[in-house]
Amino acid sequence: MPPTAPDGPTDAELARRVVAGGADAVAALNELVARYNTRLVALLRREFRDKAEDIAQEAWLKAIQWLATPGVQAMTNFRAWLFEVAQNRGRDMRAKKYPVPLPADVEPAEDHSPLAGFIDAEERAVAQGCWEILPADLQEAVVACTGGEEKPAALAERLNVTVTTIYTRKLRGLLALKACVEKH
């Protein structure tokens, strides 16, 4: 699909809606994912094979983080930027094939919940309330994709959906959590 859908908004318009936040941001992100995720994963599969979906997920998360940065302007060619981010992320992951241990004087974070890293301590109570009202399918996907006992592939098989659907649900869940926390 081209950056300008014949009967829909351009990528730049969708990116601006994501930047604006709120309920409309989720719909805008879903439209961008619908436009590009299949082609993105196919492109990545050529070079990175079984890691393609993980790399695509990382690229979408980076896109959301970048678009959510205060003062950011939506770019004119979102697709080209997203595909470049994904390629670079894949190369970074390949370069870091072997994990680097933490220095002895650094202690790992103790919080391993799906909310860890998404919020700071002051927002925890609000985020917990937002988490509780998040639909169960989005909660399951967030948990599975952030180190839960059930992995994304197993969840996808149990629910009879694709792994990409699980990752999309994770993105939607995180974006909904962010919007809810910002609203409160």
Protein backbone atom coordinates (compact mmCIF):
# COMPACT_ATOMS: atom_id res chain seq x y z
CA MET A 1 0.00 0.00 0.00
CA PRO A 2 1.43 3.41 -0.87
CA PRO A 3 2.15 6.09 1.74
CA THR A 4 -1.14 7.70 0.69
CA ALA A 5 -4.02 5.25 0.67
CA PRO A 6 -6.57 6.23 -2.01
CA ASP A 7 -9.38 6.34 0.52
CA GLY A 8 -7.48 6.98 3.72
CA PRO A 9 -4.97 9.19 5.49
CA THR A 10 -1.31 9.44 4.50
CA ASP A 11 1.44 7.91 6.61
CA ALA A 12 2.40 11.39 7.79
CA GLU A 13 -1.18 12.06 8.92
CA LEU A 14 -1.28 8.73 10.78
CA ALA A 15 2.09 9.43 12.38
CA ARG A 16 0.83 12.83 13.54
CA ARG A 17 -2.21 11.13 15.10
CA VAL A 18 0.09 8.70 16.94
CA VAL A 19 2.17 11.65 18.17
CA ALA A 20 -0.99 13.42 19.38
CA GLY A 21 -1.82 10.45 21.63
CA GLY A 22 -5.22 9.46 22.98
CA ALA A 23 -7.65 6.86 21.68
CA ASP A 24 -7.12 7.98 18.08
CA ALA A 25 -3.42 7.12 18.40
CA VAL A 26 -4.20 3.41 18.77
CA ALA A 27 -6.33 3.41 15.60
CA ALA A 28 -3.60 5.31 13.72
CA LEU A 29 -0.92 2.87 14.86
CA ASN A 30 -3.10 -0.09 13.90
CA GLU A 31 -3.49 1.41 10.41
CA LEU A 32 0.29 1.81 10.04
CA VAL A 33 0.83 -1.78 11.25
CA ALA A 34 -1.82 -3.03 8.80
CA ARG A 35 -0.10 -1.17 5.95
CA TYR A 36 3.46 -2.27 6.56
CA ASN A 37 3.94 -5.14 9.00
CA THR A 38 3.49 -7.99 6.48
CA ARG A 39 5.99 -6.48 4.04
CA LEU A 40 8.35 -5.55 6.87
CA VAL A 41 8.45 -9.12 8.21
CA ALA A 42 8.85 -10.52 4.66
CA LEU A 43 11.80 -8.21 4.00
CA LEU A 44 13.44 -9.08 7.31
CA ARG A 45 12.86 -12.80 6.82
CA ARG A 46 15.18 -12.74 3.77
CA GLU A 47 18.14 -11.66 5.85
CA PHE A 48 17.32 -12.62 9.42
CA ARG A 49 15.09 -15.70 8.95
CA ASP A 50 13.49 -16.85 12.22
CA LYS A 51 14.29 -13.57 14.00
CA ALA A 52 12.27 -11.48 11.52
CA GLU A 53 9.17 -11.10 13.69
CA ASP A 54 11.23 -10.19 16.76
CA ILE A 55 13.13 -7.57 14.77
CA ALA A 56 9.90 -6.17 13.32
CA GLN A 57 8.49 -5.91 16.83
CA GLU A 58 11.58 -4.01 17.96
CA ALA A 59 11.25 -1.66 14.99
CA TRP A 60 7.59 -0.92 15.81
CA LEU A 61 8.49 -0.28 19.46
CA LYS A 62 11.25 2.08 18.39
CA ALA A 63 8.80 3.84 16.07
CA ILE A 64 6.31 4.28 18.91
CA GLN A 65 9.03 5.53 21.26
CA TRP A 66 10.30 7.96 18.66
CA LEU A 67 6.84 9.24 17.77
CA ALA A 68 6.04 9.64 21.49
CA THR A 69 9.13 11.81 22.08
CA PRO A 70 8.04 15.37 22.95
CA GLY A 71 8.63 17.82 20.13
CA VAL A 72 9.03 15.17 17.44
CA GLN A 73 7.61 15.98 14.02
CA ALA A 74 6.23 13.17 11.87
CA MET A 75 8.54 12.32 8.98
CA THR A 76 7.47 12.47 5.35
CA ASN A 77 8.44 8.88 4.49
CA PHE A 78 7.46 6.75 7.45
CA ARG A 79 7.78 3.44 5.58
CA ALA A 80 11.36 4.06 4.46
CA TRP A 81 12.32 5.15 7.98
CA LEU A 82 10.62 2.12 9.59
CA PHE A 83 12.28 -0.35 7.21
CA GLU A 84 15.68 1.25 7.79
CA VAL A 85 15.19 1.08 11.58
CA ALA A 86 14.27 -2.61 11.25
CA GLN A 87 17.33 -3.40 9.13
CA ASN A 88 19.61 -1.60 11.58
CA ARG A 89 17.94 -3.33 14.54
CA GLY A 90 18.51 -6.71 12.89
CA ARG A 91 22.16 -5.96 12.32
CA ASP A 92 22.49 -4.79 15.93
CA MET A 93 20.91 -8.03 17.15
CA ARG A 94 23.27 -10.07 14.97
CA ALA A 95 26.27 -8.15 16.31
CA LYS A 96 25.11 -8.85 19.87
CA LYS A 97 24.66 -12.57 19.32
CA TYR A 98 26.40 -13.30 22.58
CA PRO A 99 25.04 -11.32 25.53
CA VAL A 100 27.44 -9.05 27.37
CA PRO A 101 27.36 -9.69 31.15
CA LEU A 102 26.57 -6.80 33.47
CA PRO A 103 29.54 -5.25 35.23
CA ALA A 104 29.99 -6.53 38.79
CA ASP A 105 28.98 -3.19 40.33
CA VAL A 106 25.64 -3.02 38.44
CA GLU A 107 22.63 -4.74 39.96
CA PRO A 108 19.81 -5.85 37.66
CA ALA A 109 16.37 -4.34 38.16
CA GLU A 110 14.18 -6.38 40.48
CA ASP A 111 10.82 -5.59 38.85
CA HIS A 112 10.08 -8.12 36.11
CA SER A 113 6.39 -7.29 35.70
CA PRO A 114 4.98 -6.29 32.29
CA LEU A 115 4.84 -2.73 33.62
CA ALA A 116 8.56 -2.58 34.41
CA GLY A 117 10.41 -0.04 32.30
CA PHE A 118 7.14 1.41 31.07
CA ILE A 119 6.48 3.60 34.06
CA ASP A 120 8.31 5.29 36.91
CA ALA A 121 7.55 4.77 40.60
CA GLU A 122 5.10 7.70 40.87
CA GLU A 123 2.89 6.31 38.11
CA ARG A 124 2.76 2.73 39.41
CA ALA A 125 -0.64 3.04 41.15
CA VAL A 126 -2.22 4.71 38.12
CA ALA A 127 -0.61 2.20 35.79
CA GLN A 128 -1.86 -0.70 37.90
CA GLY A 129 -5.40 0.67 37.57
CA CYS A 130 -4.91 1.07 33.82
CA TRP A 131 -3.52 -2.47 33.62
CA GLU A 132 -6.59 -3.84 35.35
CA ILE A 133 -8.96 -2.28 32.82
CA LEU A 134 -6.85 -3.36 29.82
CA PRO A 135 -8.65 -6.09 27.84
CA ALA A 136 -7.48 -9.61 28.69
CA ASP A 137 -6.21 -10.38 25.16
CA LEU A 138 -3.90 -7.35 25.31
CA GLN A 139 -2.75 -8.24 28.84
CA GLU A 140 -1.89 -11.78 27.71
CA ALA A 141 0.13 -10.48 24.76
CA VAL A 142 2.05 -7.95 26.87
CA VAL A 143 2.89 -10.62 29.45
CA ALA A 144 3.90 -13.20 26.81
CA CYS A 145 6.14 -10.71 24.98
CA THR A 146 7.85 -9.41 28.12
CA GLY A 147 9.14 -12.62 29.61
CA GLY A 148 6.00 -14.31 30.88
CA GLU A 149 5.87 -18.07 31.31
CA GLU A 150 3.92 -18.50 28.08
CA LYS A 151 5.96 -17.34 25.09
CA PRO A 152 4.42 -15.42 22.16
CA ALA A 153 4.53 -18.43 19.82
CA ALA A 154 2.80 -20.66 22.37
CA LEU A 155 0.15 -18.02 23.04
CA ALA A 156 -0.44 -17.61 19.30
CA GLU A 157 -0.86 -21.35 18.89
CA ARG A 158 -3.24 -21.59 21.87
CA LEU A 159 -5.37 -18.73 20.55
CA ASN A 160 -5.13 -19.93 16.94
CA VAL A 161 -3.71 -16.61 15.70
CA THR A 162 -0.37 -15.61 14.16
CA VAL A 163 2.62 -14.55 16.23
CA THR A 164 2.41 -11.20 14.45
CA THR A 165 -1.09 -10.79 15.91
CA ILE A 166 0.34 -11.36 19.39
CA TYR A 167 3.02 -8.72 18.81
CA THR A 168 0.42 -6.32 17.43
CA ARG A 169 -1.70 -6.88 20.53
CA LYS A 170 1.35 -6.14 22.66
CA LEU A 171 1.89 -2.86 20.80
CA ARG A 172 -1.78 -1.94 21.16
CA GLY A 173 -1.68 -2.85 24.85
CA LEU A 174 1.39 -0.74 25.57
CA LEU A 175 0.00 2.19 23.63
CA ALA A 176 -3.34 1.91 25.47
CA LEU A 177 -1.50 1.78 28.81
CA LYS A 178 0.51 4.86 27.90
CA ALA A 179 -2.63 6.76 26.86
CA CYS A 180 -4.43 5.74 30.05
CA VAL A 181 -1.52 6.74 32.30
CA GLU A 182 -1.16 10.10 30.52
CA LYS A 183 -4.91 10.74 30.86
CA HIS A 184 -4.75 10.26 34.63
